[in-house]
Amino acid sequence: MTTRTVLSVKELTLASSSWRSEGAVIVLASGCFDPLHLGHIQHLEAARKLGNILVVGVASDRIVNEYKQKAGGPRRPFMPAIVRAGIVGAIKCVDVAVINDASCEIIEAIKPHVYCKGAEYRDNLTPDLEDELELLTQYGGRLEFVSGEMVQSSSAIILASTSCQKS
C-alpha cells in the first residue's frame, strides 16, 4: 500500500493496478475541501469504512473557481489545490489524494469499487454525478451516499469569516 501522499492521475493509475492485484477494495471520494471542515473529515472516515484503500480527488483550482466563485464574494479557491491535497492526504483515513478537473477522470483511471458522495447528493443528482454514475455502472462499481453527523458548507464558513472581519 502507498503511504499517504499526493499522486498524479498517472501515478494513481499505476498504484491502483497494484492494489487491485492485492485484492484491495478501492473507495473514491472527491470534493473541493476549500477549506476542509469537520463534515469533510466525517465523510472521509465513513467512506474509508467501505474498503481498504481510500483515494480522495481534490478539485483543481480552476474547478473550484468555476463552481464556487460568487460575484462579489471572497476569492475562490481559498487555498491552492496543492495545499488542499496535501492536507487531505495527511488525514489518517486517507491513503492517497489526487488533484483533478473531474471525478470522471479518476473513475476512468482507477475504476473504484465504491464511489462515495455526501448524503446531501442523494436527492440531487447533478449532471456531473449522473455522468459519474454512468461510468461506475459500466464496469460494476457502485455509488454510496455517506456522511457524518456534521453537515457544513465551506462556502458558508468562508462567508461567515469574511463578514466577521468586516464587523
N, C-alpha and C. Protein backbone atom coordinates (compact mmCIF):
# COMPACT_ATOMS: atom_id res chain seq x y z
N MET A 1 0.84 -1.19 0.00
CA MET A 1 0.00 0.00 0.00
C MET A 1 0.89 1.24 0.00
N THR A 2 0.47 2.25 -0.74
CA THR A 2 1.19 3.52 -0.80
C THR A 2 0.99 4.29 0.49
N THR A 3 2.04 4.96 0.96
CA THR A 3 1.88 5.80 2.14
C THR A 3 1.05 7.01 1.75
N ARG A 4 0.47 7.67 2.76
CA ARG A 4 -0.36 8.85 2.49
C ARG A 4 0.45 9.87 1.71
N THR A 5 -0.10 10.30 0.58
CA THR A 5 0.62 11.22 -0.27
C THR A 5 -0.32 11.82 -1.31
N VAL A 6 0.23 12.70 -2.12
CA VAL A 6 -0.50 13.25 -3.26
C VAL A 6 0.13 12.67 -4.51
N LEU A 7 -0.67 12.04 -5.34
CA LEU A 7 -0.19 11.44 -6.58
C LEU A 7 -0.81 12.13 -7.78
N SER A 8 -0.15 12.02 -8.92
CA SER A 8 -0.74 12.45 -10.18
C SER A 8 -1.73 11.36 -10.62
N VAL A 9 -2.57 11.66 -11.59
CA VAL A 9 -3.52 10.66 -12.08
C VAL A 9 -2.76 9.47 -12.67
N LYS A 10 -1.66 9.73 -13.37
CA LYS A 10 -0.85 8.65 -13.95
C LYS A 10 -0.27 7.75 -12.86
N GLU A 11 0.30 8.37 -11.80
CA GLU A 11 0.84 7.58 -10.68
C GLU A 11 -0.26 6.80 -9.98
N LEU A 12 -1.41 7.42 -9.84
CA LEU A 12 -2.55 6.78 -9.19
C LEU A 12 -3.02 5.57 -9.99
N THR A 13 -3.03 5.67 -11.30
CA THR A 13 -3.44 4.56 -12.16
C THR A 13 -2.53 3.36 -11.94
N LEU A 14 -1.23 3.60 -11.88
CA LEU A 14 -0.27 2.51 -11.64
C LEU A 14 -0.48 1.91 -10.25
N ALA A 15 -0.64 2.76 -9.25
CA ALA A 15 -0.85 2.27 -7.89
C ALA A 15 -2.13 1.44 -7.79
N SER A 16 -3.18 1.88 -8.45
CA SER A 16 -4.46 1.16 -8.36
C SER A 16 -4.37 -0.23 -8.97
N SER A 17 -3.56 -0.39 -10.00
CA SER A 17 -3.35 -1.73 -10.58
C SER A 17 -2.73 -2.65 -9.55
N SER A 18 -1.77 -2.13 -8.82
CA SER A 18 -1.11 -2.91 -7.77
C SER A 18 -2.11 -3.26 -6.66
N TRP A 19 -2.90 -2.28 -6.23
CA TRP A 19 -3.88 -2.53 -5.18
C TRP A 19 -4.88 -3.60 -5.60
N ARG A 20 -5.34 -3.51 -6.85
CA ARG A 20 -6.31 -4.50 -7.34
C ARG A 20 -5.70 -5.90 -7.34
N SER A 21 -4.44 -6.00 -7.76
CA SER A 21 -3.80 -7.32 -7.80
C SER A 21 -3.64 -7.90 -6.40
N GLU A 22 -3.60 -7.04 -5.39
CA GLU A 22 -3.50 -7.48 -4.00
C GLU A 22 -4.89 -7.75 -3.39
N GLY A 23 -5.95 -7.52 -4.18
CA GLY A 23 -7.30 -7.79 -3.71
C GLY A 23 -7.94 -6.68 -2.91
N ALA A 24 -7.38 -5.49 -2.96
CA ALA A 24 -7.92 -4.36 -2.19
C ALA A 24 -9.25 -3.88 -2.79
N VAL A 25 -10.10 -3.38 -1.91
CA VAL A 25 -11.33 -2.71 -2.32
C VAL A 25 -11.03 -1.21 -2.32
N ILE A 26 -11.12 -0.60 -3.50
CA ILE A 26 -10.76 0.80 -3.67
C ILE A 26 -12.00 1.67 -3.56
N VAL A 27 -11.92 2.67 -2.71
CA VAL A 27 -13.01 3.62 -2.49
C VAL A 27 -12.53 4.99 -2.94
N LEU A 28 -13.39 5.71 -3.64
CA LEU A 28 -13.09 7.07 -4.09
C LEU A 28 -14.08 8.04 -3.48
N ALA A 29 -13.57 9.13 -2.97
CA ALA A 29 -14.39 10.26 -2.53
C ALA A 29 -13.77 11.49 -3.19
N SER A 30 -14.54 12.54 -3.36
CA SER A 30 -13.97 13.73 -4.00
C SER A 30 -14.67 14.98 -3.49
N GLY A 31 -14.00 16.11 -3.70
CA GLY A 31 -14.58 17.38 -3.29
C GLY A 31 -13.60 18.52 -3.48
N CYS A 32 -14.03 19.70 -3.06
CA CYS A 32 -13.19 20.89 -3.15
C CYS A 32 -12.30 21.04 -1.93
N PHE A 33 -12.85 20.77 -0.75
CA PHE A 33 -12.11 20.87 0.51
C PHE A 33 -11.50 22.26 0.68
N ASP A 34 -12.33 23.28 0.43
CA ASP A 34 -11.85 24.67 0.39
C ASP A 34 -12.71 25.57 1.25
N PRO A 35 -12.47 25.65 2.55
CA PRO A 35 -11.49 24.91 3.34
C PRO A 35 -12.05 23.59 3.84
N LEU A 36 -11.15 22.76 4.32
CA LEU A 36 -11.52 21.49 4.93
C LEU A 36 -12.24 21.77 6.24
N HIS A 37 -13.32 21.02 6.53
CA HIS A 37 -14.05 21.19 7.78
C HIS A 37 -14.43 19.83 8.36
N LEU A 38 -15.00 19.84 9.55
CA LEU A 38 -15.34 18.60 10.26
C LEU A 38 -16.28 17.70 9.45
N GLY A 39 -17.22 18.27 8.73
CA GLY A 39 -18.11 17.47 7.89
C GLY A 39 -17.34 16.67 6.86
N HIS A 40 -16.29 17.27 6.28
CA HIS A 40 -15.45 16.55 5.33
C HIS A 40 -14.76 15.36 6.00
N ILE A 41 -14.19 15.60 7.17
CA ILE A 41 -13.48 14.54 7.89
C ILE A 41 -14.42 13.37 8.16
N GLN A 42 -15.61 13.67 8.65
CA GLN A 42 -16.58 12.61 8.95
C GLN A 42 -16.99 11.86 7.68
N HIS A 43 -17.15 12.57 6.58
CA HIS A 43 -17.48 11.93 5.30
C HIS A 43 -16.36 10.98 4.88
N LEU A 44 -15.12 11.44 4.98
CA LEU A 44 -13.99 10.60 4.58
C LEU A 44 -13.83 9.40 5.49
N GLU A 45 -14.06 9.57 6.78
CA GLU A 45 -13.99 8.43 7.71
C GLU A 45 -15.07 7.39 7.38
N ALA A 46 -16.26 7.86 7.04
CA ALA A 46 -17.35 6.94 6.66
C ALA A 46 -17.02 6.23 5.36
N ALA A 47 -16.44 6.95 4.42
CA ALA A 47 -16.05 6.34 3.14
C ALA A 47 -14.99 5.26 3.34
N ARG A 48 -14.03 5.54 4.18
CA ARG A 48 -12.93 4.60 4.43
C ARG A 48 -13.43 3.25 4.92
N LYS A 49 -14.50 3.25 5.66
CA LYS A 49 -15.05 2.00 6.22
C LYS A 49 -15.58 1.06 5.13
N LEU A 50 -15.72 1.56 3.90
CA LEU A 50 -16.28 0.76 2.82
C LEU A 50 -15.23 0.01 2.00
N GLY A 51 -13.95 0.15 2.36
CA GLY A 51 -12.90 -0.53 1.59
C GLY A 51 -11.56 -0.50 2.28
N ASN A 52 -10.52 -0.92 1.54
CA ASN A 52 -9.16 -0.99 2.07
C ASN A 52 -8.32 0.22 1.71
N ILE A 53 -8.61 0.84 0.58
CA ILE A 53 -7.85 1.97 0.08
C ILE A 53 -8.81 3.13 -0.15
N LEU A 54 -8.52 4.28 0.44
CA LEU A 54 -9.34 5.47 0.21
C LEU A 54 -8.54 6.47 -0.61
N VAL A 55 -9.02 6.72 -1.82
CA VAL A 55 -8.47 7.71 -2.72
C VAL A 55 -9.39 8.92 -2.65
N VAL A 56 -8.81 10.12 -2.53
CA VAL A 56 -9.62 11.33 -2.46
C VAL A 56 -9.22 12.27 -3.59
N GLY A 57 -10.18 12.56 -4.45
CA GLY A 57 -9.98 13.54 -5.51
C GLY A 57 -10.20 14.93 -4.95
N VAL A 58 -9.25 15.81 -5.21
CA VAL A 58 -9.32 17.21 -4.76
C VAL A 58 -9.47 18.07 -6.01
N ALA A 59 -10.54 18.84 -6.06
CA ALA A 59 -10.83 19.66 -7.23
C ALA A 59 -9.71 20.66 -7.50
N SER A 60 -9.36 20.79 -8.77
CA SER A 60 -8.32 21.73 -9.17
C SER A 60 -8.76 23.17 -8.87
N ASP A 61 -7.80 24.08 -8.86
CA ASP A 61 -8.12 25.49 -8.63
C ASP A 61 -9.12 26.00 -9.66
N ARG A 62 -8.95 25.60 -10.91
CA ARG A 62 -9.86 26.04 -11.97
C ARG A 62 -11.29 25.61 -11.68
N ILE A 63 -11.46 24.38 -11.26
CA ILE A 63 -12.81 23.86 -10.97
C ILE A 63 -13.42 24.57 -9.77
N VAL A 64 -12.65 24.77 -8.72
CA VAL A 64 -13.17 25.47 -7.54
C VAL A 64 -13.60 26.87 -7.92
N ASN A 65 -12.78 27.55 -8.69
CA ASN A 65 -13.12 28.90 -9.12
C ASN A 65 -14.40 28.89 -9.97
N GLU A 66 -14.49 27.94 -10.86
CA GLU A 66 -15.65 27.85 -11.76
C GLU A 66 -16.95 27.55 -11.01
N TYR A 67 -16.90 26.62 -10.05
CA TYR A 67 -18.11 26.18 -9.36
C TYR A 67 -18.44 26.97 -8.10
N LYS A 68 -17.43 27.53 -7.44
CA LYS A 68 -17.66 28.13 -6.13
C LYS A 68 -17.56 29.65 -6.09
N GLN A 69 -16.87 30.26 -7.05
CA GLN A 69 -16.69 31.71 -7.02
C GLN A 69 -18.04 32.40 -7.25
N LYS A 70 -18.38 33.30 -6.36
CA LYS A 70 -19.63 34.07 -6.46
C LYS A 70 -19.28 35.53 -6.70
N ALA A 71 -20.05 36.19 -7.53
CA ALA A 71 -19.82 37.61 -7.83
C ALA A 71 -19.83 38.40 -6.52
N GLY A 72 -18.77 39.16 -6.31
CA GLY A 72 -18.68 39.98 -5.11
C GLY A 72 -18.26 39.23 -3.86
N GLY A 73 -18.12 37.90 -3.98
CA GLY A 73 -17.74 37.09 -2.82
C GLY A 73 -16.23 37.00 -2.69
N PRO A 74 -15.78 36.30 -1.65
CA PRO A 74 -14.35 36.13 -1.46
C PRO A 74 -13.74 35.30 -2.60
N ARG A 75 -12.46 35.53 -2.86
CA ARG A 75 -11.76 34.81 -3.93
C ARG A 75 -11.76 33.32 -3.64
N ARG A 76 -12.07 32.52 -4.64
CA ARG A 76 -12.02 31.07 -4.53
C ARG A 76 -11.10 30.54 -5.61
N PRO A 77 -10.28 29.56 -5.36
CA PRO A 77 -10.22 28.84 -4.10
C PRO A 77 -9.58 29.66 -2.98
N PHE A 78 -9.97 29.34 -1.79
CA PHE A 78 -9.43 29.97 -0.59
C PHE A 78 -7.98 29.54 -0.41
N MET A 79 -7.70 28.26 -0.70
CA MET A 79 -6.35 27.70 -0.63
C MET A 79 -6.05 27.02 -1.96
N PRO A 80 -4.80 27.07 -2.45
CA PRO A 80 -4.47 26.41 -3.71
C PRO A 80 -4.62 24.89 -3.61
N ALA A 81 -4.86 24.25 -4.75
CA ALA A 81 -5.11 22.81 -4.81
C ALA A 81 -3.99 21.99 -4.18
N ILE A 82 -2.75 22.37 -4.40
CA ILE A 82 -1.64 21.58 -3.85
C ILE A 82 -1.66 21.60 -2.32
N VAL A 83 -2.08 22.71 -1.74
CA VAL A 83 -2.19 22.80 -0.28
C VAL A 83 -3.38 21.96 0.20
N ARG A 84 -4.53 22.10 -0.47
CA ARG A 84 -5.72 21.32 -0.09
C ARG A 84 -5.44 19.83 -0.20
N ALA A 85 -4.78 19.42 -1.29
CA ALA A 85 -4.47 17.99 -1.48
C ALA A 85 -3.49 17.49 -0.43
N GLY A 86 -2.52 18.31 -0.07
CA GLY A 86 -1.56 17.92 0.97
C GLY A 86 -2.23 17.73 2.31
N ILE A 87 -3.16 18.62 2.63
CA ILE A 87 -3.90 18.50 3.89
C ILE A 87 -4.77 17.24 3.87
N VAL A 88 -5.52 17.04 2.79
CA VAL A 88 -6.38 15.86 2.68
C VAL A 88 -5.54 14.59 2.73
N GLY A 89 -4.40 14.57 2.03
CA GLY A 89 -3.54 13.40 2.02
C GLY A 89 -2.93 13.07 3.38
N ALA A 90 -2.88 14.05 4.26
CA ALA A 90 -2.31 13.85 5.60
C ALA A 90 -3.33 13.32 6.61
N ILE A 91 -4.61 13.26 6.21
CA ILE A 91 -5.64 12.75 7.11
C ILE A 91 -5.45 11.25 7.29
N LYS A 92 -5.54 10.78 8.50
CA LYS A 92 -5.24 9.39 8.85
C LYS A 92 -5.99 8.36 7.99
N CYS A 93 -7.24 8.59 7.70
CA CYS A 93 -8.04 7.59 6.98
C CYS A 93 -7.81 7.62 5.46
N VAL A 94 -7.09 8.62 4.96
CA VAL A 94 -6.86 8.79 3.52
C VAL A 94 -5.54 8.15 3.13
N ASP A 95 -5.57 7.33 2.07
CA ASP A 95 -4.34 6.72 1.56
C ASP A 95 -3.66 7.61 0.53
N VAL A 96 -4.45 8.18 -0.37
CA VAL A 96 -3.89 8.96 -1.47
C VAL A 96 -4.85 10.09 -1.83
N ALA A 97 -4.28 11.25 -2.11
CA ALA A 97 -5.05 12.37 -2.66
C ALA A 97 -4.55 12.63 -4.07
N VAL A 98 -5.44 13.11 -4.92
CA VAL A 98 -5.08 13.42 -6.31
C VAL A 98 -5.83 14.68 -6.72
N ILE A 99 -5.14 15.60 -7.35
CA ILE A 99 -5.77 16.83 -7.85
C ILE A 99 -6.33 16.51 -9.23
N ASN A 100 -7.57 16.94 -9.47
CA ASN A 100 -8.19 16.63 -10.76
C ASN A 100 -9.18 17.69 -11.18
N ASP A 101 -9.52 17.67 -12.47
CA ASP A 101 -10.52 18.58 -13.03
C ASP A 101 -11.91 17.97 -13.04
N ALA A 102 -12.00 16.65 -12.94
CA ALA A 102 -13.30 15.98 -12.97
C ALA A 102 -13.18 14.61 -12.32
N SER A 103 -14.17 14.25 -11.53
CA SER A 103 -14.15 12.93 -10.90
C SER A 103 -14.21 11.82 -11.93
N CYS A 104 -14.84 12.08 -13.08
CA CYS A 104 -14.89 11.07 -14.14
C CYS A 104 -13.48 10.65 -14.55
N GLU A 105 -12.55 11.60 -14.54
CA GLU A 105 -11.16 11.31 -14.90
C GLU A 105 -10.58 10.26 -13.95
N ILE A 106 -10.84 10.39 -12.67
CA ILE A 106 -10.31 9.44 -11.69
C ILE A 106 -11.06 8.11 -11.79
N ILE A 107 -12.37 8.17 -11.95
CA ILE A 107 -13.16 6.94 -12.07
C ILE A 107 -12.67 6.12 -13.25
N GLU A 108 -12.43 6.78 -14.38
CA GLU A 108 -11.93 6.07 -15.56
C GLU A 108 -10.54 5.49 -15.31
N ALA A 109 -9.70 6.22 -14.58
CA ALA A 109 -8.32 5.80 -14.35
C ALA A 109 -8.21 4.63 -13.39
N ILE A 110 -8.98 4.63 -12.31
CA ILE A 110 -8.78 3.60 -11.27
C ILE A 110 -9.94 2.63 -11.10
N LYS A 111 -11.08 2.95 -11.70
CA LYS A 111 -12.27 2.10 -11.58
C LYS A 111 -12.50 1.65 -10.13
N PRO A 112 -12.82 2.61 -9.27
CA PRO A 112 -13.03 2.26 -7.85
C PRO A 112 -14.21 1.31 -7.70
N HIS A 113 -14.12 0.47 -6.69
CA HIS A 113 -15.24 -0.42 -6.38
C HIS A 113 -16.43 0.39 -5.85
N VAL A 114 -16.11 1.45 -5.08
CA VAL A 114 -17.14 2.28 -4.45
C VAL A 114 -16.77 3.75 -4.67
N TYR A 115 -17.77 4.54 -5.03
CA TYR A 115 -17.61 5.99 -5.14
C TYR A 115 -18.55 6.61 -4.13
N CYS A 116 -18.00 7.41 -3.22
CA CYS A 116 -18.79 7.99 -2.13
C CYS A 116 -19.08 9.47 -2.36
N LYS A 117 -20.31 9.82 -2.19
CA LYS A 117 -20.74 11.21 -2.20
C LYS A 117 -21.47 11.46 -0.89
N GLY A 118 -21.54 12.73 -0.49
CA GLY A 118 -22.25 13.09 0.73
C GLY A 118 -23.74 12.82 0.58
N ALA A 119 -24.39 12.58 1.70
CA ALA A 119 -25.83 12.27 1.70
C ALA A 119 -26.66 13.39 1.09
N GLU A 120 -26.14 14.61 1.09
CA GLU A 120 -26.89 15.73 0.51
C GLU A 120 -27.09 15.58 -1.00
N TYR A 121 -26.35 14.68 -1.64
CA TYR A 121 -26.49 14.44 -3.08
C TYR A 121 -27.52 13.36 -3.40
N ARG A 122 -28.00 12.64 -2.39
CA ARG A 122 -28.92 11.53 -2.62
C ARG A 122 -30.12 11.94 -3.48
N ASP A 123 -30.71 13.07 -3.18
CA ASP A 123 -31.88 13.53 -3.94
C ASP A 123 -31.52 14.68 -4.88
N ASN A 124 -30.23 14.81 -5.19
CA ASN A 124 -29.77 15.92 -6.02
C ASN A 124 -28.71 15.41 -6.99
N LEU A 125 -29.13 14.56 -7.93
CA LEU A 125 -28.18 14.02 -8.90
C LEU A 125 -27.85 15.10 -9.93
N THR A 126 -26.73 15.76 -9.73
CA THR A 126 -26.27 16.80 -10.65
C THR A 126 -25.87 16.15 -11.98
N PRO A 127 -25.76 16.93 -13.04
CA PRO A 127 -25.29 16.36 -14.32
C PRO A 127 -23.93 15.67 -14.18
N ASP A 128 -23.01 16.26 -13.41
CA ASP A 128 -21.71 15.62 -13.20
C ASP A 128 -21.87 14.27 -12.51
N LEU A 129 -22.71 14.22 -11.50
CA LEU A 129 -22.92 12.97 -10.77
C LEU A 129 -23.59 11.92 -11.65
N GLU A 130 -24.48 12.34 -12.51
CA GLU A 130 -25.11 11.40 -13.45
C GLU A 130 -24.05 10.78 -14.38
N ASP A 131 -23.11 11.60 -14.86
CA ASP A 131 -22.02 11.10 -15.71
C ASP A 131 -21.14 10.13 -14.93
N GLU A 132 -20.85 10.46 -13.68
CA GLU A 132 -20.02 9.60 -12.83
C GLU A 132 -20.72 8.26 -12.59
N LEU A 133 -22.01 8.31 -12.32
CA LEU A 133 -22.80 7.10 -12.08
C LEU A 133 -22.82 6.21 -13.33
N GLU A 134 -22.93 6.83 -14.49
CA GLU A 134 -22.92 6.06 -15.74
C GLU A 134 -21.60 5.31 -15.91
N LEU A 135 -20.49 5.99 -15.64
CA LEU A 135 -19.17 5.34 -15.72
C LEU A 135 -19.07 4.17 -14.74
N LEU A 136 -19.52 4.40 -13.51
CA LEU A 136 -19.47 3.35 -12.48
C LEU A 136 -20.23 2.10 -12.91
N THR A 137 -21.41 2.30 -13.43
CA THR A 137 -22.25 1.15 -13.79
C THR A 137 -21.68 0.38 -14.98
N GLN A 138 -20.87 1.03 -15.81
CA GLN A 138 -20.27 0.35 -16.97
C GLN A 138 -19.36 -0.80 -16.56
N TYR A 139 -18.70 -0.68 -15.41
CA TYR A 139 -17.78 -1.74 -15.00
C TYR A 139 -18.19 -2.41 -13.69
N GLY A 140 -19.34 -2.05 -13.13
CA GLY A 140 -19.83 -2.72 -11.92
C GLY A 140 -19.48 -2.03 -10.62
N GLY A 141 -18.99 -0.78 -10.68
CA GLY A 141 -18.76 -0.02 -9.45
C GLY A 141 -20.09 0.44 -8.88
N ARG A 142 -20.06 0.89 -7.63
CA ARG A 142 -21.31 1.35 -7.03
C ARG A 142 -21.14 2.71 -6.37
N LEU A 143 -22.24 3.43 -6.30
CA LEU A 143 -22.30 4.74 -5.67
C LEU A 143 -22.91 4.59 -4.29
N GLU A 144 -22.26 5.16 -3.29
CA GLU A 144 -22.77 5.15 -1.92
C GLU A 144 -22.85 6.58 -1.42
N PHE A 145 -23.92 6.90 -0.72
CA PHE A 145 -24.08 8.22 -0.10
C PHE A 145 -23.75 8.07 1.38
N VAL A 146 -22.66 8.69 1.81
CA VAL A 146 -22.25 8.59 3.21
C VAL A 146 -21.89 9.97 3.73
N SER A 147 -22.25 10.20 4.96
CA SER A 147 -21.90 11.46 5.63
C SER A 147 -21.75 11.18 7.11
N GLY A 148 -21.10 12.10 7.77
CA GLY A 148 -21.03 12.03 9.22
C GLY A 148 -22.20 12.76 9.82
N GLU A 149 -22.13 13.03 11.09
CA GLU A 149 -23.20 13.74 11.78
C GLU A 149 -23.20 15.23 11.45
N MET A 150 -22.04 15.77 11.12
CA MET A 150 -21.90 17.20 10.88
C MET A 150 -22.13 17.51 9.41
N VAL A 151 -23.08 18.39 9.13
CA VAL A 151 -23.30 18.86 7.77
C VAL A 151 -22.91 20.33 7.75
N GLN A 152 -21.89 20.63 6.97
CA GLN A 152 -21.39 22.00 6.91
C GLN A 152 -21.19 22.40 5.46
N SER A 153 -21.01 23.67 5.24
CA SER A 153 -20.73 24.22 3.92
C SER A 153 -19.47 25.06 4.02
N SER A 154 -18.47 24.71 3.20
CA SER A 154 -17.24 25.52 3.18
C SER A 154 -17.56 26.95 2.78
N SER A 155 -18.45 27.13 1.81
CA SER A 155 -18.82 28.48 1.37
C SER A 155 -19.40 29.28 2.52
N ALA A 156 -20.27 28.66 3.31
CA ALA A 156 -20.87 29.35 4.46
C ALA A 156 -19.81 29.71 5.50
N ILE A 157 -18.84 28.82 5.70
CA ILE A 157 -17.76 29.11 6.65
C ILE A 157 -16.95 30.31 6.19
N ILE A 158 -16.61 30.33 4.91
CA ILE A 158 -15.83 31.46 4.37
C ILE A 158 -16.62 32.74 4.46
N LEU A 159 -17.90 32.72 4.08
CA LEU A 159 -18.72 33.93 4.14
C LEU A 159 -18.86 34.43 5.57
N ALA A 160 -19.03 33.51 6.52
CA ALA A 160 -19.16 33.91 7.92
C ALA A 160 -17.86 34.55 8.42
N SER A 161 -16.72 33.98 8.01
CA SER A 161 -15.45 34.52 8.48
C SER A 161 -15.18 35.89 7.86
N THR A 162 -15.56 36.08 6.59
CA THR A 162 -15.33 37.38 5.97
C THR A 162 -16.28 38.44 6.52
N SER A 163 -17.50 38.05 6.88
CA SER A 163 -18.41 39.04 7.47
C SER A 163 -17.97 39.44 8.86
N CYS A 164 -17.34 38.49 9.60
CA CYS A 164 -16.81 38.81 10.93
C CYS A 164 -15.66 39.80 10.82
N GLN A 165 -14.84 39.63 9.77
CA GLN A 165 -13.70 40.51 9.58
C GLN A 165 -14.14 41.93 9.23
N LYS A 166 -15.28 42.07 8.57
CA LYS A 166 -15.78 43.39 8.18
C LYS A 166 -16.42 44.13 9.36
N SER A 167 -16.83 43.38 10.38
CA SER A 167 -17.53 43.98 11.54
C SER A 167 -16.59 44.77 12.41
